[in-house]
Amino acid sequence: MSDQRRVIAEVRRTVRIYNLLVLVVGAIALVVSVDRAQDDVLVTSLEVVGTTLVSAALVSFIFGQITIRDTTLQVNEAIDQALREVLEPIRENLFAGALSHYRWDCHLDGLEPDGYAVQAMRVSYQVQVIPRELRFICVSSLTDESFSRLAGDLRYVLRWQVDEGLELTDPHCFHVSHVRVDGQQLDQPAPRPTTLRGSPAVEYRFQVSELRRHHGFHSVEFHVVARKYLGTDREVRVQAYAFRSLLDAEYRLTVGESIGAEILNTQISGLSRIGAGGLIQHGRTYPDAFGRVAAYAIFTTPLQTGSNVVFTIDRGNPRRANRGGAAS
């Protein structure tokens, strides 16, 4: 491609040089015709030749630029059309399964003497196709490798991870409630103990009736409460991991007084965006006096599966090794 560009550039330079020479010769002919004004035949001949050459050079310059621009526009349009024909089906399939108007709201508070706090979340979005079951799973493990078995399974709308040794069926450890589809609350199921790649786990399976699985977009909303270990760690991470593509996503975190936050920041380095860069807003929700209370991240550009938004809380306490994390 670079060789072709060099050849085209060389041709353009050569054409410009020829046009310039023609213009110079025509100008010289006109000057000579003025200088030899006493010779009518010579003057007339030189004037005709000079005028012709100057006009031809000017016309060549003008139409050369027009032709180059027109050719460039045609080539760009052809490339754009070809890319659209190739990428549009991929884009449509990708966005067909994406979650739109995605909202992730979280509140962290209720720190107990044992070092555990309460993380309450509300998630809502719209989706075109909804499965017969909405599943929520919580795994007791120090790694998230067990979630690899669930990749591509759209029934699992939330996957969570807690420290090893916790009683998963305890509602204070992990609990899902208020699951709504199109504004209608689904029947609350009992937690189902299970295992995932050898790690203890618990599932909540909410049944979606056929009457609610009509064609068109569905609105989904659910509330989750989980335990999160803070201990005496100075820095605490609250993160949200996207298991599906997201459109128009907003993340918001609020922190209670028991956490003792001094600095609240938002990290968006773990994003995988789709298409051209769009508007991204992130930071603290309130002015400096209340800057440790809430933070947010707003995206107008679509986010790919695997995008990770992280809120970091600096508590100003002596730091100790973290005992696990969570993903949602």
C-alpha atoms as a PDB file:
ATOM      1  CA  MET A   1       0.000   0.000   0.000  1.00  0.00           C
ATOM      2  CA  SER A   2       2.853   2.398   0.837  1.00  0.00           C
ATOM      3  CA  ASP A   3       4.498   1.728  -2.581  1.00  0.00           C
ATOM      4  CA  GLN A   4       1.256   2.575  -4.370  1.00  0.00           C
ATOM      5  CA  ARG A   5       0.939   5.796  -2.406  1.00  0.00           C
ATOM      6  CA  ARG A   6       4.478   6.779  -3.353  1.00  0.00           C
ATOM      7  CA  VAL A   7       3.768   6.105  -7.051  1.00  0.00           C
ATOM      8  CA  ILE A   8       0.558   8.170  -6.930  1.00  0.00           C
ATOM      9  CA  ALA A   9       2.349  10.998  -5.145  1.00  0.00           C
ATOM     10  CA  GLU A  10       5.134  10.948  -7.766  1.00  0.00           C
ATOM     11  CA  VAL A  11       2.621  11.102 -10.622  1.00  0.00           C
ATOM     12  CA  ARG A  12       0.886  14.062  -8.978  1.00  0.00           C
ATOM     13  CA  ARG A  13       4.202  15.890  -8.577  1.00  0.00           C
ATOM     14  CA  THR A  14       5.117  15.233 -12.233  1.00  0.00           C
ATOM     15  CA  VAL A  15       1.758  16.551 -13.460  1.00  0.00           C
ATOM     16  CA  ARG A  16       2.138  19.673 -11.330  1.00  0.00           C
ATOM     17  CA  ILE A  17       5.648  20.300 -12.723  1.00  0.00           C
ATOM     18  CA  TYR A  18       4.409  19.978 -16.345  1.00  0.00           C
ATOM     19  CA  ASN A  19       1.527  22.326 -15.602  1.00  0.00           C
ATOM     20  CA  LEU A  20       3.941  24.809 -14.056  1.00  0.00           C
ATOM     21  CA  LEU A  21       6.243  24.649 -17.104  1.00  0.00           C
ATOM     22  CA  VAL A  22       3.318  25.250 -19.446  1.00  0.00           C
ATOM     23  CA  LEU A  23       2.251  28.205 -17.333  1.00  0.00           C
ATOM     24  CA  VAL A  24       5.774  29.674 -17.370  1.00  0.00           C
ATOM     25  CA  VAL A  25       6.130  29.256 -21.157  1.00  0.00           C
ATOM     26  CA  GLY A  26       2.739  30.869 -21.712  1.00  0.00           C
ATOM     27  CA  ALA A  27       3.646  33.772 -19.431  1.00  0.00           C
ATOM     28  CA  ILE A  28       6.958  34.275 -21.272  1.00  0.00           C
ATOM     29  CA  ALA A  29       5.123  34.298 -24.601  1.00  0.00           C
ATOM     30  CA  LEU A  30       2.753  36.984 -23.331  1.00  0.00           C
ATOM     31  CA  VAL A  31       5.651  39.100 -22.038  1.00  0.00           C
ATOM     32  CA  VAL A  32       7.502  38.835 -25.366  1.00  0.00           C
ATOM     33  CA  SER A  33       4.346  39.781 -27.257  1.00  0.00           C
ATOM     34  CA  VAL A  34       4.077  42.979 -25.225  1.00  0.00           C
ATOM     35  CA  ASP A  35       7.773  43.746 -25.768  1.00  0.00           C
ATOM     36  CA  ARG A  36       7.453  43.262 -29.574  1.00  0.00           C
ATOM     37  CA  ALA A  37       4.338  45.297 -29.984  1.00  0.00           C
ATOM     38  CA  GLN A  38       5.603  46.801 -33.327  1.00  0.00           C
ATOM     39  CA  ASP A  39       5.428  43.462 -35.114  1.00  0.00           C
ATOM     40  CA  ASP A  40       1.720  42.745 -35.555  1.00  0.00           C
ATOM     41  CA  VAL A  41       2.082  39.175 -36.838  1.00  0.00           C
ATOM     42  CA  LEU A  42       4.581  38.125 -34.178  1.00  0.00           C
ATOM     43  CA  VAL A  43       2.587  39.855 -31.443  1.00  0.00           C
ATOM     44  CA  THR A  44      -0.602  38.160 -32.491  1.00  0.00           C
ATOM     45  CA  SER A  45       1.067  34.756 -32.684  1.00  0.00           C
ATOM     46  CA  LEU A  46       2.784  35.092 -29.313  1.00  0.00           C
ATOM     47  CA  GLU A  47      -0.379  36.452 -27.690  1.00  0.00           C
ATOM     48  CA  VAL A  48      -2.440  33.546 -28.983  1.00  0.00           C
ATOM     49  CA  VAL A  49       0.164  30.989 -27.918  1.00  0.00           C
ATOM     50  CA  GLY A  50       0.716  32.588 -24.511  1.00  0.00           C
ATOM     51  CA  THR A  51      -2.977  32.970 -23.742  1.00  0.00           C
ATOM     52  CA  THR A  52      -3.633  29.379 -24.781  1.00  0.00           C
ATOM     53  CA  LEU A  53      -0.818  27.989 -22.676  1.00  0.00           C
ATOM     54  CA  VAL A  54      -1.701  30.031 -19.579  1.00  0.00           C
ATOM     55  CA  SER A  55      -5.375  29.129 -19.868  1.00  0.00           C
ATOM     56  CA  ALA A  56      -4.546  25.453 -20.377  1.00  0.00           C
ATOM     57  CA  ALA A  57      -2.236  25.453 -17.341  1.00  0.00           C
ATOM     58  CA  LEU A  58      -4.811  27.144 -15.122  1.00  0.00           C
ATOM     59  CA  VAL A  59      -7.572  24.820 -16.300  1.00  0.00           C
ATOM     60  CA  SER A  60      -5.282  21.833 -15.732  1.00  0.00           C
ATOM     61  CA  PHE A  61      -4.484  22.981 -12.183  1.00  0.00           C
ATOM     62  CA  ILE A  62      -8.142  23.546 -11.306  1.00  0.00           C
ATOM     63  CA  PHE A  63      -9.539  20.381 -12.859  1.00  0.00           C
ATOM     64  CA  GLY A  64      -6.597  18.359 -11.559  1.00  0.00           C
ATOM     65  CA  GLN A  65      -7.487  19.316  -7.991  1.00  0.00           C
ATOM     66  CA  ILE A  66     -11.177  18.676  -8.622  1.00  0.00           C
ATOM     67  CA  THR A  67     -10.423  15.276 -10.155  1.00  0.00           C
ATOM     68  CA  ILE A  68      -8.169  14.272  -7.246  1.00  0.00           C
ATOM     69  CA  ARG A  69     -10.778  15.288  -4.671  1.00  0.00           C
ATOM     70  CA  ASP A  70     -13.571  13.608  -6.598  1.00  0.00           C
ATOM     71  CA  THR A  71     -11.540  10.412  -6.948  1.00  0.00           C
ATOM     72  CA  THR A  72     -10.669  10.479  -3.244  1.00  0.00           C
ATOM     73  CA  LEU A  73     -14.320  10.909  -2.307  1.00  0.00           C
ATOM     74  CA  GLN A  74     -15.375   8.075  -4.600  1.00  0.00           C
ATOM     75  CA  VAL A  75     -12.699   5.753  -3.201  1.00  0.00           C
ATOM     76  CA  ASN A  76     -13.615   6.645   0.396  1.00  0.00           C
ATOM     77  CA  GLU A  77     -17.288   6.084  -0.333  1.00  0.00           C
ATOM     78  CA  ALA A  78     -16.572   2.722  -1.962  1.00  0.00           C
ATOM     79  CA  ILE A  79     -14.428   1.614   0.995  1.00  0.00           C
ATOM     80  CA  ASP A  80     -17.058   2.797   3.479  1.00  0.00           C
ATOM     81  CA  GLN A  81     -19.798   0.954   1.615  1.00  0.00           C
ATOM     82  CA  ALA A  82     -17.738  -2.249   1.444  1.00  0.00           C
ATOM     83  CA  LEU A  83     -16.947  -2.102   5.166  1.00  0.00           C
ATOM     84  CA  ARG A  84     -20.600  -1.512   5.999  1.00  0.00           C
ATOM     85  CA  GLU A  85     -21.684  -4.540   3.948  1.00  0.00           C
ATOM     86  CA  VAL A  86     -19.132  -6.734   5.715  1.00  0.00           C
ATOM     87  CA  LEU A  87     -19.444  -5.408   9.277  1.00  0.00           C
ATOM     88  CA  GLU A  88     -23.148  -4.527   9.473  1.00  0.00           C
ATOM     89  CA  PRO A  89     -24.318  -8.171   9.917  1.00  0.00           C
ATOM     90  CA  ILE A  90     -21.683  -8.664  12.631  1.00  0.00           C
ATOM     91  CA  ARG A  91     -22.752  -5.446  14.346  1.00  0.00           C
ATOM     92  CA  GLU A  92     -26.430  -6.383  14.189  1.00  0.00           C
ATOM     93  CA  ASN A  93     -25.792  -9.838  15.679  1.00  0.00           C
ATOM     94  CA  LEU A  94     -23.627  -8.326  18.396  1.00  0.00           C
ATOM     95  CA  PHE A  95     -26.133  -5.656  19.374  1.00  0.00           C
ATOM     96  CA  ALA A  96     -29.086  -8.052  19.144  1.00  0.00           C
ATOM     97  CA  GLY A  97     -27.900  -9.805  22.314  1.00  0.00           C
ATOM     98  CA  ALA A  98     -26.664  -6.678  24.067  1.00  0.00           C
ATOM     99  CA  LEU A  99     -28.206  -5.190  27.173  1.00  0.00           C
ATOM    100  CA  SER A 100     -29.446  -1.638  26.597  1.00  0.00           C
ATOM    101  CA  HIS A 101     -30.141   1.142  29.136  1.00  0.00           C
ATOM    102  CA  TYR A 102     -27.928  -0.749  31.581  1.00  0.00           C
ATOM    103  CA  ARG A 103     -27.913   0.661  35.124  1.00  0.00           C
ATOM    104  CA  TRP A 104     -25.723  -0.651  37.946  1.00  0.00           C
ATOM    105  CA  ASP A 105     -26.298   0.929  41.376  1.00  0.00           C
ATOM    106  CA  CYS A 106     -24.439  -0.222  44.477  1.00  0.00           C
ATOM    107  CA  HIS A 107     -24.357   0.856  48.128  1.00  0.00           C
ATOM    108  CA  LEU A 108     -21.619  -0.297  50.532  1.00  0.00           C
ATOM    109  CA  ASP A 109     -22.213   0.082  54.267  1.00  0.00           C
ATOM    110  CA  GLY A 110     -22.860  -1.821  57.490  1.00  0.00           C
ATOM    111  CA  LEU A 111     -19.270  -2.731  58.411  1.00  0.00           C
ATOM    112  CA  GLU A 112     -19.282  -5.245  61.282  1.00  0.00           C
ATOM    113  CA  PRO A 113     -16.533  -5.978  63.851  1.00  0.00           C
ATOM    114  CA  ASP A 114     -15.654  -9.178  61.928  1.00  0.00           C
ATOM    115  CA  GLY A 115     -14.524  -7.038  58.972  1.00  0.00           C
ATOM    116  CA  TYR A 116     -17.482  -7.796  56.685  1.00  0.00           C
ATOM    117  CA  ALA A 117     -19.704  -5.127  55.169  1.00  0.00           C
ATOM    118  CA  VAL A 118     -22.994  -5.283  53.269  1.00  0.00           C
ATOM    119  CA  GLN A 119     -22.958  -4.664  49.512  1.00  0.00           C
ATOM    120  CA  ALA A 120     -26.443  -3.942  48.194  1.00  0.00           C
ATOM    121  CA  MET A 121     -26.959  -3.714  44.419  1.00  0.00           C
ATOM    122  CA  ARG A 122     -29.719  -2.848  42.027  1.00  0.00           C
ATOM    123  CA  VAL A 123     -29.302  -3.744  38.344  1.00  0.00           C
ATOM    124  CA  SER A 124     -31.711  -2.907  35.535  1.00  0.00           C
ATOM    125  CA  TYR A 125     -31.577  -3.131  31.744  1.00  0.00           C
ATOM    126  CA  GLN A 126     -33.569  -3.861  28.615  1.00  0.00           C
ATOM    127  CA  VAL A 127     -33.057  -6.905  26.417  1.00  0.00           C
ATOM    128  CA  GLN A 128     -34.759  -8.199  23.291  1.00  0.00           C
ATOM    129  CA  VAL A 129     -34.784 -11.925  24.099  1.00  0.00           C
ATOM    130  CA  ILE A 130     -35.345 -13.218  27.603  1.00  0.00           C
ATOM    131  CA  PRO A 131     -34.749 -16.881  28.622  1.00  0.00           C
ATOM    132  CA  ARG A 132     -37.208 -19.101  30.463  1.00  0.00           C
ATOM    133  CA  GLU A 133     -35.076 -18.849  33.595  1.00  0.00           C
ATOM    134  CA  LEU A 134     -33.111 -16.009  35.131  1.00  0.00           C
ATOM    135  CA  ARG A 135     -30.311 -17.536  37.163  1.00  0.00           C
ATOM    136  CA  PHE A 136     -28.133 -15.953  39.828  1.00  0.00           C
ATOM    137  CA  ILE A 137     -25.116 -17.863  41.101  1.00  0.00           C
ATOM    138  CA  CYS A 138     -22.689 -17.241  43.939  1.00  0.00           C
ATOM    139  CA  VAL A 139     -19.463 -19.285  44.250  1.00  0.00           C
ATOM    140  CA  SER A 140     -17.296 -19.614  47.334  1.00  0.00           C
ATOM    141  CA  SER A 141     -13.791 -19.442  45.873  1.00  0.00           C
ATOM    142  CA  LEU A 142     -10.648 -17.319  45.757  1.00  0.00           C
ATOM    143  CA  THR A 143     -10.509 -17.405  41.928  1.00  0.00           C
ATOM    144  CA  ASP A 144     -13.062 -16.762  39.181  1.00  0.00           C
ATOM    145  CA  GLU A 145     -11.928 -19.660  36.960  1.00  0.00           C
ATOM    146  CA  SER A 146     -15.083 -21.606  37.768  1.00  0.00           C
ATOM    147  CA  PHE A 147     -17.163 -19.033  35.867  1.00  0.00           C
ATOM    148  CA  SER A 148     -15.579 -20.145  32.570  1.00  0.00           C
ATOM    149  CA  ARG A 149     -18.110 -22.988  32.379  1.00  0.00           C
ATOM    150  CA  LEU A 150     -20.927 -20.451  32.262  1.00  0.00           C
ATOM    151  CA  ALA A 151     -19.542 -18.436  29.345  1.00  0.00           C
ATOM    152  CA  GLY A 152     -22.243 -17.909  26.736  1.00  0.00           C
ATOM    153  CA  ASP A 153     -25.075 -19.159  28.975  1.00  0.00           C
ATOM    154  CA  LEU A 154     -27.519 -16.228  28.851  1.00  0.00           C
ATOM    155  CA  ARG A 155     -29.615 -17.640  31.694  1.00  0.00           C
ATOM    156  CA  TYR A 156     -27.014 -16.484  34.236  1.00  0.00           C
ATOM    157  CA  VAL A 157     -27.676 -12.774  34.592  1.00  0.00           C
ATOM    158  CA  LEU A 158     -25.410 -12.362  37.628  1.00  0.00           C
ATOM    159  CA  ARG A 159     -22.326 -14.309  38.759  1.00  0.00           C
ATOM    160  CA  TRP A 160     -20.896 -13.536  42.156  1.00  0.00           C
ATOM    161  CA  GLN A 161     -17.916 -14.636  44.190  1.00  0.00           C
ATOM    162  CA  VAL A 162     -17.353 -14.610  47.965  1.00  0.00           C
ATOM    163  CA  ASP A 163     -14.660 -15.807  50.351  1.00  0.00           C
ATOM    164  CA  GLU A 164     -14.189 -19.474  51.044  1.00  0.00           C
ATOM    165  CA  GLY A 165     -15.827 -20.849  54.158  1.00  0.00           C
ATOM    166  CA  LEU A 166     -18.939 -18.649  54.115  1.00  0.00           C
ATOM    167  CA  GLU A 167     -22.388 -20.211  54.434  1.00  0.00           C
ATOM    168  CA  LEU A 168     -23.828 -19.476  50.996  1.00  0.00           C
ATOM    169  CA  THR A 169     -27.432 -20.263  51.869  1.00  0.00           C
ATOM    170  CA  ASP A 170     -27.334 -17.641  54.628  1.00  0.00           C
ATOM    171  CA  PRO A 171     -29.342 -14.654  53.296  1.00  0.00           C
ATOM    172  CA  HIS A 172     -26.830 -12.326  54.961  1.00  0.00           C
ATOM    173  CA  CYS A 173     -24.081 -13.834  52.788  1.00  0.00           C
ATOM    174  CA  PHE A 174     -25.816 -13.739  49.392  1.00  0.00           C
ATOM    175  CA  HIS A 175     -29.453 -13.088  48.608  1.00  0.00           C
ATOM    176  CA  VAL A 176     -31.421 -12.222  45.462  1.00  0.00           C
ATOM    177  CA  SER A 177     -34.810 -10.545  45.676  1.00  0.00           C
ATOM    178  CA  HIS A 178     -37.230  -8.332  43.791  1.00  0.00           C
ATOM    179  CA  VAL A 179     -36.614  -9.771  40.349  1.00  0.00           C
ATOM    180  CA  ARG A 180     -38.968  -8.039  37.939  1.00  0.00           C
ATOM    181  CA  VAL A 181     -39.652  -8.548  34.238  1.00  0.00           C
ATOM    182  CA  ASP A 182     -41.601  -5.761  32.543  1.00  0.00           C
ATOM    183  CA  GLY A 183     -42.594  -4.448  35.961  1.00  0.00           C
ATOM    184  CA  GLN A 184     -44.022  -7.781  37.174  1.00  0.00           C
ATOM    185  CA  GLN A 185     -42.266  -9.400  40.135  1.00  0.00           C
ATOM    186  CA  LEU A 186     -41.288 -13.050  39.668  1.00  0.00           C
ATOM    187  CA  ASP A 187     -41.985 -15.702  42.297  1.00  0.00           C
ATOM    188  CA  GLN A 188     -39.179 -15.968  44.831  1.00  0.00           C
ATOM    189  CA  PRO A 189     -37.428 -19.399  44.628  1.00  0.00           C
ATOM    190  CA  ALA A 190     -35.518 -21.114  47.405  1.00  0.00           C
ATOM    191  CA  PRO A 191     -31.707 -21.084  47.170  1.00  0.00           C
ATOM    192  CA  ARG A 192     -30.276 -24.221  45.558  1.00  0.00           C
ATOM    193  CA  PRO A 193     -26.909 -25.449  46.904  1.00  0.00           C
ATOM    194  CA  THR A 194     -24.668 -26.771  44.134  1.00  0.00           C
ATOM    195  CA  THR A 195     -21.021 -26.902  43.049  1.00  0.00           C
ATOM    196  CA  LEU A 196     -19.144 -25.264  40.195  1.00  0.00           C
ATOM    197  CA  ARG A 197     -15.810 -26.800  39.223  1.00  0.00           C
ATOM    198  CA  GLY A 198     -15.532 -28.317  42.674  1.00  0.00           C
ATOM    199  CA  SER A 199     -16.275 -25.064  44.521  1.00  0.00           C
ATOM    200  CA  PRO A 200     -19.394 -24.688  46.704  1.00  0.00           C
ATOM    201  CA  ALA A 201     -22.055 -22.535  45.095  1.00  0.00           C
ATOM    202  CA  VAL A 202     -25.656 -21.486  45.476  1.00  0.00           C
ATOM    203  CA  GLU A 203     -28.182 -20.657  42.743  1.00  0.00           C
ATOM    204  CA  TYR A 204     -31.422 -18.737  42.558  1.00  0.00           C
ATOM    205  CA  ARG A 205     -33.543 -19.737  39.555  1.00  0.00           C
ATOM    206  CA  PHE A 206     -36.424 -17.419  38.731  1.00  0.00           C
ATOM    207  CA  GLN A 207     -38.958 -18.842  36.280  1.00  0.00           C
ATOM    208  CA  VAL A 208     -40.256 -16.602  33.479  1.00  0.00           C
ATOM    209  CA  SER A 209     -43.673 -17.616  32.197  1.00  0.00           C
ATOM    210  CA  GLU A 210     -44.463 -17.804  28.507  1.00  0.00           C
ATOM    211  CA  LEU A 211     -46.918 -14.941  28.883  1.00  0.00           C
ATOM    212  CA  ARG A 212     -44.063 -12.655  29.862  1.00  0.00           C
ATOM    213  CA  ARG A 213     -41.763 -13.865  27.059  1.00  0.00           C
ATOM    214  CA  HIS A 214     -43.503 -11.914  24.298  1.00  0.00           C
ATOM    215  CA  HIS A 215     -41.716 -10.450  21.300  1.00  0.00           C
ATOM    216  CA  GLY A 216     -40.025  -7.098  21.700  1.00  0.00           C
ATOM    217  CA  PHE A 217     -37.833  -5.538  24.353  1.00  0.00           C
ATOM    218  CA  HIS A 218     -38.129  -6.619  27.974  1.00  0.00           C
ATOM    219  CA  SER A 219     -37.161  -4.611  31.015  1.00  0.00           C
ATOM    220  CA  VAL A 220     -35.360  -6.575  33.743  1.00  0.00           C
ATOM    221  CA  GLU A 221     -34.612  -5.404  37.275  1.00  0.00           C
ATOM    222  CA  PHE A 222     -33.244  -7.227  40.318  1.00  0.00           C
ATOM    223  CA  HIS A 223     -31.830  -6.540  43.773  1.00  0.00           C
ATOM    224  CA  VAL A 224     -28.901  -8.432  45.318  1.00  0.00           C
ATOM    225  CA  VAL A 225     -27.355  -8.277  48.788  1.00  0.00           C
ATOM    226  CA  ALA A 226     -23.952  -9.838  49.521  1.00  0.00           C
ATOM    227  CA  ARG A 227     -21.234  -9.798  52.167  1.00  0.00           C
ATOM    228  CA  LYS A 228     -17.929  -8.188  51.279  1.00  0.00           C
ATOM    229  CA  TYR A 229     -14.823  -8.513  53.405  1.00  0.00           C
ATOM    230  CA  LEU A 230     -13.015  -5.255  54.128  1.00  0.00           C
ATOM    231  CA  GLY A 231     -11.086  -6.029  57.298  1.00  0.00           C
ATOM    232  CA  THR A 232      -8.534  -3.297  57.947  1.00  0.00           C
ATOM    233  CA  ASP A 233      -7.532  -2.928  54.290  1.00  0.00           C
ATOM    234  CA  ARG A 234      -6.744   0.646  53.368  1.00  0.00           C
ATOM    235  CA  GLU A 235      -7.820   0.246  49.741  1.00  0.00           C
ATOM    236  CA  VAL A 236     -11.095  -1.470  48.886  1.00  0.00           C
ATOM    237  CA  ARG A 237     -12.136  -2.384  45.333  1.00  0.00           C
ATOM    238  CA  VAL A 238     -15.764  -2.582  44.238  1.00  0.00           C
ATOM    239  CA  GLN A 239     -15.962  -3.804  40.671  1.00  0.00           C
ATOM    240  CA  ALA A 240     -18.583  -4.647  38.088  1.00  0.00           C
ATOM    241  CA  TYR A 241     -17.723  -7.111  35.309  1.00  0.00           C
ATOM    242  CA  ALA A 242     -19.802  -7.251  32.124  1.00  0.00           C
ATOM    243  CA  PHE A 243     -20.653 -10.789  30.965  1.00  0.00           C
ATOM    244  CA  ARG A 244     -22.552  -9.412  27.951  1.00  0.00           C
ATOM    245  CA  SER A 245     -22.251  -6.430  25.620  1.00  0.00           C
ATOM    246  CA  LEU A 246     -23.737  -3.250  27.072  1.00  0.00           C
ATOM    247  CA  LEU A 247     -25.355  -0.226  25.453  1.00  0.00           C
ATOM    248  CA  ASP A 248     -25.783   3.093  27.258  1.00  0.00           C
ATOM    249  CA  ALA A 249     -24.304   1.841  30.549  1.00  0.00           C
ATOM    250  CA  GLU A 250     -24.214   3.745  33.836  1.00  0.00           C
ATOM    251  CA  TYR A 251     -22.470   2.665  37.034  1.00  0.00           C
ATOM    252  CA  ARG A 252     -23.003   4.358  40.402  1.00  0.00           C
ATOM    253  CA  LEU A 253     -21.584   3.630  43.845  1.00  0.00           C
ATOM    254  CA  THR A 254     -22.488   5.166  47.198  1.00  0.00           C
ATOM    255  CA  VAL A 255     -20.550   4.570  50.411  1.00  0.00           C
ATOM    256  CA  GLY A 256     -21.906   4.673  53.967  1.00  0.00           C
ATOM    257  CA  GLU A 257     -20.267   6.247  57.005  1.00  0.00           C
ATOM    258  CA  SER A 258     -19.249   2.911  58.552  1.00  0.00           C
ATOM    259  CA  ILE A 259     -16.756   2.303  55.713  1.00  0.00           C
ATOM    260  CA  GLY A 260     -14.668   5.313  56.707  1.00  0.00           C
ATOM    261  CA  ALA A 261     -13.845   6.357  53.142  1.00  0.00           C
ATOM    262  CA  GLU A 262     -11.470   9.269  52.654  1.00  0.00           C
ATOM    263  CA  ILE A 263     -10.946   9.108  48.870  1.00  0.00           C
ATOM    264  CA  LEU A 264     -13.257   7.620  46.247  1.00  0.00           C
ATOM    265  CA  ASN A 265     -12.027   7.060  42.683  1.00  0.00           C
ATOM    266  CA  THR A 266     -13.264   5.425  39.471  1.00  0.00           C
ATOM    267  CA  GLN A 267     -11.070   3.304  37.190  1.00  0.00           C
ATOM    268  CA  ILE A 268     -12.122   2.560  33.600  1.00  0.00           C
ATOM    269  CA  SER A 269      -8.866   1.147  32.214  1.00  0.00           C
ATOM    270  CA  GLY A 270     -10.420  -2.311  31.910  1.00  0.00           C
ATOM    271  CA  LEU A 271     -12.898  -1.327  29.200  1.00  0.00           C
ATOM    272  CA  SER A 272     -13.312  -2.899  25.764  1.00  0.00           C
ATOM    273  CA  ARG A 273     -15.340  -0.482  23.672  1.00  0.00           C
ATOM    274  CA  ILE A 274     -17.098  -1.147  20.350  1.00  0.00           C
ATOM    275  CA  GLY A 275     -16.785   1.263  17.438  1.00  0.00           C
ATOM    276  CA  ALA A 276     -15.690   4.886  17.513  1.00  0.00           C
ATOM    277  CA  GLY A 277     -14.981   6.498  20.848  1.00  0.00           C
ATOM    278  CA  GLY A 278     -18.045   7.986  22.459  1.00  0.00           C
ATOM    279  CA  LEU A 279     -18.689  10.100  25.511  1.00  0.00           C
ATOM    280  CA  ILE A 280     -17.261   8.831  28.797  1.00  0.00           C
ATOM    281  CA  GLN A 281     -17.903  10.554  32.112  1.00  0.00           C
ATOM    282  CA  HIS A 282     -16.557   9.271  35.399  1.00  0.00           C
ATOM    283  CA  GLY A 283     -15.499  10.579  38.784  1.00  0.00           C
ATOM    284  CA  ARG A 284     -17.013  11.704  42.050  1.00  0.00           C
ATOM    285  CA  THR A 285     -20.699  12.492  42.109  1.00  0.00           C
ATOM    286  CA  TYR A 286     -20.554  15.397  44.573  1.00  0.00           C
ATOM    287  CA  PRO A 287     -18.159  18.317  45.270  1.00  0.00           C
ATOM    288  CA  ASP A 288     -15.023  17.961  47.370  1.00  0.00           C
ATOM    289  CA  ALA A 289     -16.771  18.267  50.702  1.00  0.00           C
ATOM    290  CA  PHE A 290     -18.808  15.137  49.867  1.00  0.00           C
ATOM    291  CA  GLY A 291     -16.410  13.570  47.352  1.00  0.00           C
ATOM    292  CA  ARG A 292     -16.005  10.390  49.396  1.00  0.00           C
ATOM    293  CA  VAL A 293     -19.739   9.661  49.404  1.00  0.00           C
ATOM    294  CA  ALA A 294     -20.508   8.642  45.802  1.00  0.00           C
ATOM    295  CA  ALA A 295     -18.901   8.048  42.406  1.00  0.00           C
ATOM    296  CA  TYR A 296     -20.148   7.254  38.909  1.00  0.00           C
ATOM    297  CA  ALA A 297     -19.177   6.165  35.386  1.00  0.00           C
ATOM    298  CA  ILE A 298     -21.360   6.852  32.319  1.00  0.00           C
ATOM    299  CA  PHE A 299     -20.750   5.526  28.787  1.00  0.00           C
ATOM    300  CA  THR A 300     -22.457   6.363  25.507  1.00  0.00           C
ATOM    301  CA  THR A 301     -20.204   4.043  23.504  1.00  0.00           C
ATOM    302  CA  PRO A 302     -21.107   0.317  23.547  1.00  0.00           C
ATOM    303  CA  LEU A 303     -19.013  -1.887  25.850  1.00  0.00           C
ATOM    304  CA  GLN A 304     -17.889  -5.374  24.935  1.00  0.00           C
ATOM    305  CA  THR A 305     -18.136  -8.482  27.076  1.00  0.00           C
ATOM    306  CA  GLY A 306     -15.326  -8.469  29.612  1.00  0.00           C
ATOM    307  CA  SER A 307     -15.389  -4.746  30.325  1.00  0.00           C
ATOM    308  CA  ASN A 308     -14.623  -3.990  33.949  1.00  0.00           C
ATOM    309  CA  VAL A 309     -15.465  -0.854  35.924  1.00  0.00           C
ATOM    310  CA  VAL A 310     -13.686  -0.521  39.268  1.00  0.00           C
ATOM    311  CA  PHE A 311     -14.386   1.848  42.140  1.00  0.00           C
ATOM    312  CA  THR A 312     -11.523   2.197  44.630  1.00  0.00           C
ATOM    313  CA  ILE A 313     -12.096   3.364  48.186  1.00  0.00           C
ATOM    314  CA  ASP A 314      -9.171   4.692  50.211  1.00  0.00           C
ATOM    315  CA  ARG A 315     -10.086   4.296  53.870  1.00  0.00           C
ATOM    316  CA  GLY A 316      -6.867   5.722  55.298  1.00  0.00           C
ATOM    317  CA  ASN A 317      -6.352   2.642  57.528  1.00  0.00           C
ATOM    318  CA  PRO A 318      -3.270   0.362  57.710  1.00  0.00           C
ATOM    319  CA  ARG A 319      -3.397  -1.917  54.702  1.00  0.00           C
ATOM    320  CA  ARG A 320      -3.647  -5.649  55.048  1.00  0.00           C
ATOM    321  CA  ALA A 321      -3.852  -8.350  52.363  1.00  0.00           C
ATOM    322  CA  ASN A 322      -7.321  -8.667  50.871  1.00  0.00           C
ATOM    323  CA  ARG A 323      -9.215 -11.889  51.512  1.00  0.00           C
ATOM    324  CA  GLY A 324     -11.052 -12.198  48.234  1.00  0.00           C
ATOM    325  CA  GLY A 325     -13.108 -10.182  45.810  1.00  0.00           C
ATOM    326  CA  ALA A 326     -16.302 -10.213  43.834  1.00  0.00           C
ATOM    327  CA  ALA A 327     -17.478  -9.906  40.272  1.00  0.00           C
ATOM    328  CA  SER A 328     -20.857  -9.008  38.864  1.00  0.00           C
END
